Amino acid sequence: MIFHLRCFTKCLGPTESFPVALSIFMLLAASGCVTVNLPKGSEGRSPSVEIQEPSKAFESIKSENADRAWKHSQSGATISFLSDCNDNPDSLQNFESDSLNALKSAKVLKSESTRINNREGQRIQILGALEGIPMKMELLAFRKNGCDYILSFVARQTAFDLQLTEFDKFIAGFQAP
């Protein structure tokens, strides 16, 4: 089940498209279907993000639903990021409530403001289930120079804490233009 995010912008308009795309992005991330490698400069994407890729245990995967993504070869956990440069300053306004739509019986375990790339960000951790499997997600959203960024880590609940440090390293090495 792969969706093309450009359709949402054209069909729904920029105000409605990002929350819908975010929900689909997180659902696919949670199911292990998040994939990446859109060409740089794709419509609505940030063309020049600098990243430090996760360790070699995380293999790069392709997706139309994220700018870049990696899947852990043994646990299936994913690290990914999505950028949206459609100049909609309100697109992250409902980030936390939109994030809860990705998993069944979802509840926010932690929600805190943080700084990333000299900008204010929101970092949340969510517990829920996907097809009866307990899952945890950690998401970091921020806006910089007209673009929204969502960094995500999704794993089965049993593997989450073991690999969360990889996500922390990914965040530390993430530089938006």
Protein backbone atom coordinates (compact mmCIF):
# COMPACT_ATOMS: atom_id res chain seq x y z
CA MET A 1 0.00 0.00 0.00
CA ILE A 2 2.08 2.92 -1.28
CA PHE A 3 0.66 6.44 -1.53
CA HIS A 4 2.16 9.35 -3.40
CA LEU A 5 2.25 12.47 -1.18
CA ARG A 6 2.05 14.91 -4.10
CA CYS A 7 -1.53 13.78 -4.71
CA PHE A 8 -2.53 14.99 -1.26
CA THR A 9 -1.21 18.48 -1.90
CA LYS A 10 -2.99 18.73 -5.24
CA CYS A 11 -6.21 16.99 -4.15
CA LEU A 12 -6.60 18.43 -0.65
CA GLY A 13 -4.64 21.66 -0.80
CA PRO A 14 -1.57 22.58 1.27
CA THR A 15 -3.45 23.19 4.54
CA GLU A 16 -5.13 19.80 4.68
CA SER A 17 -2.46 17.71 2.96
CA PHE A 18 0.31 17.61 5.56
CA PRO A 19 -1.72 16.11 8.45
CA VAL A 20 -3.10 13.42 6.13
CA ALA A 21 0.35 12.70 4.70
CA LEU A 22 1.80 12.60 8.22
CA SER A 23 -0.76 10.00 9.31
CA ILE A 24 -0.06 7.82 6.27
CA PHE A 25 3.71 8.28 6.69
CA MET A 26 3.54 7.13 10.31
CA LEU A 27 1.24 4.20 9.53
CA LEU A 28 3.64 2.97 6.88
CA ALA A 29 6.57 3.54 9.21
CA ALA A 30 4.87 1.52 11.91
CA SER A 31 4.15 -1.34 9.53
CA GLY A 32 7.74 -1.55 8.34
CA CYS A 33 6.79 -0.24 4.88
CA VAL A 34 8.50 3.14 5.11
CA THR A 35 10.89 3.53 2.25
CA VAL A 36 12.82 6.34 0.53
CA ASN A 37 15.26 7.96 -1.84
CA LEU A 38 13.22 10.46 -3.82
CA PRO A 39 15.37 12.48 -6.17
CA LYS A 40 16.70 15.65 -4.56
CA GLY A 41 14.58 18.64 -5.38
CA SER A 42 11.34 16.64 -5.64
CA GLU A 43 8.23 18.77 -5.40
CA GLY A 44 7.75 19.95 -1.81
CA ARG A 45 10.88 18.25 -0.46
CA SER A 46 13.93 19.88 1.08
CA PRO A 47 16.76 19.55 -1.46
CA SER A 48 19.81 19.81 0.78
CA VAL A 49 19.43 18.05 4.12
CA GLU A 50 22.70 16.79 5.61
CA ILE A 51 22.48 13.58 7.63
CA GLN A 52 24.62 11.10 9.45
CA GLU A 53 23.20 7.73 8.41
CA PRO A 54 22.35 5.17 11.10
CA SER A 55 24.76 2.28 11.77
CA LYS A 56 25.26 -0.49 9.21
CA ALA A 57 22.66 -2.61 11.04
CA PHE A 58 20.11 -0.26 9.44
CA GLU A 59 19.85 -0.80 5.68
CA SER A 60 18.68 1.96 3.36
CA ILE A 61 15.25 1.32 1.88
CA LYS A 62 13.26 3.15 -0.82
CA SER A 63 9.96 4.93 -0.32
CA GLU A 64 7.75 7.53 -1.90
CA ASN A 65 6.53 8.39 1.62
CA ALA A 66 9.75 9.67 3.15
CA ASP A 67 12.83 11.52 1.97
CA ARG A 68 15.15 8.82 3.36
CA ALA A 69 14.58 5.72 5.50
CA TRP A 70 16.49 2.81 6.97
CA LYS A 71 15.27 -0.52 8.32
CA HIS A 72 17.08 -2.58 10.94
CA SER A 73 18.10 -5.89 9.37
CA GLN A 74 17.03 -8.01 12.37
CA SER A 75 14.32 -6.17 14.32
CA GLY A 76 12.60 -4.37 11.43
CA ALA A 77 12.76 -1.03 13.31
CA THR A 78 12.80 2.00 11.01
CA ILE A 79 14.44 5.41 11.14
CA SER A 80 13.25 7.94 8.59
CA PHE A 81 12.63 11.58 7.85
CA LEU A 82 10.06 13.48 5.87
CA SER A 83 10.34 17.09 4.69
CA ASP A 84 7.57 19.32 3.40
CA CYS A 85 8.49 22.68 1.89
CA ASN A 86 5.05 23.75 0.70
CA ASP A 87 5.27 26.88 2.86
CA ASN A 88 2.33 26.07 5.12
CA PRO A 89 3.24 27.48 8.55
CA ASP A 90 0.29 25.75 10.27
CA SER A 91 1.05 22.20 9.09
CA LEU A 92 2.67 21.14 12.39
CA GLN A 93 -0.01 22.75 14.56
CA ASN A 94 -1.83 19.45 15.21
CA PHE A 95 1.27 17.25 15.06
CA GLU A 96 0.62 15.39 18.32
CA SER A 97 -3.06 14.65 17.72
CA ASP A 98 -2.37 13.64 14.09
CA SER A 99 0.39 11.30 15.29
CA LEU A 100 -2.03 9.32 17.43
CA ASN A 101 -3.91 8.20 14.30
CA ALA A 102 -1.03 5.98 13.20
CA LEU A 103 -1.57 3.20 15.77
CA LYS A 104 -4.56 1.55 17.41
CA SER A 105 -5.13 2.28 21.11
CA ALA A 106 -2.39 4.88 20.87
CA LYS A 107 -1.37 6.91 23.88
CA VAL A 108 1.27 9.56 24.29
CA LEU A 109 3.95 8.45 26.74
CA LYS A 110 6.04 11.59 26.48
CA SER A 111 5.68 14.96 24.77
CA GLU A 112 8.25 17.69 25.16
CA SER A 113 9.58 20.80 23.48
CA THR A 114 13.17 20.58 22.35
CA ARG A 115 15.74 22.44 20.22
CA ILE A 116 17.07 21.13 16.92
CA ASN A 117 19.02 23.09 14.30
CA ASN A 118 18.51 26.23 16.40
CA ARG A 119 14.73 25.86 16.12
CA GLU A 120 11.94 24.90 18.48
CA GLY A 121 10.79 21.31 17.99
CA GLN A 122 8.26 18.90 19.45
CA ARG A 123 9.37 15.38 20.39
CA ILE A 124 6.74 12.78 21.23
CA GLN A 125 6.77 9.11 22.12
CA ILE A 126 3.68 7.02 21.40
CA LEU A 127 2.70 3.50 22.45
CA GLY A 128 0.09 1.59 20.48
CA ALA A 129 -0.52 -1.48 18.36
CA LEU A 130 -0.42 -2.39 14.72
CA GLU A 131 -2.27 -5.56 13.73
CA GLY A 132 -2.15 -6.60 17.39
CA ILE A 133 1.63 -6.11 17.72
CA PRO A 134 2.69 -3.67 20.47
CA MET A 135 4.65 -0.80 18.84
CA LYS A 136 6.40 2.34 19.99
CA MET A 137 7.13 5.46 17.94
CA GLU A 138 9.28 8.45 18.67
CA LEU A 139 8.82 11.47 16.43
CA LEU A 140 10.54 14.84 16.29
CA ALA A 141 8.93 17.65 14.30
CA PHE A 142 10.25 21.14 13.62
CA ARG A 143 10.08 23.94 11.08
CA LYS A 144 13.09 25.68 9.54
CA ASN A 145 13.29 28.18 6.68
CA GLY A 146 9.83 27.43 5.34
CA CYS A 147 10.10 23.64 5.54
CA ASP A 148 8.61 21.18 8.03
CA TYR A 149 10.68 18.17 9.09
CA ILE A 150 9.54 14.99 10.83
CA LEU A 151 12.16 12.53 12.04
CA SER A 152 10.79 9.17 13.15
CA PHE A 153 11.82 5.98 14.87
CA VAL A 154 9.33 3.10 14.91
CA ALA A 155 9.90 -0.32 16.45
CA ARG A 156 8.22 -3.21 18.16
CA GLN A 157 7.90 -2.37 21.82
CA THR A 158 10.40 -5.12 22.75
CA ALA A 159 13.16 -3.66 20.52
CA PHE A 160 12.44 0.04 21.00
CA ASP A 161 14.66 0.85 24.00
CA LEU A 162 17.54 -1.24 22.62
CA GLN A 163 17.78 0.85 19.44
CA LEU A 164 16.62 4.29 20.57
CA THR A 165 20.24 5.49 20.84
CA GLU A 166 20.55 5.05 17.05
CA PHE A 167 17.69 7.52 16.63
CA ASP A 168 19.30 9.95 19.06
CA LYS A 169 22.51 9.81 16.98
CA PHE A 170 20.50 10.35 13.81
CA ILE A 171 18.88 13.45 15.32
CA ALA A 172 22.27 14.80 16.44
CA GLY A 173 23.63 14.43 12.89
CA PHE A 174 20.57 15.92 11.13
CA GLN A 175 21.13 19.34 9.56
CA ALA A 176 18.32 21.10 7.72
CA PRO A 177 19.30 24.00 5.45
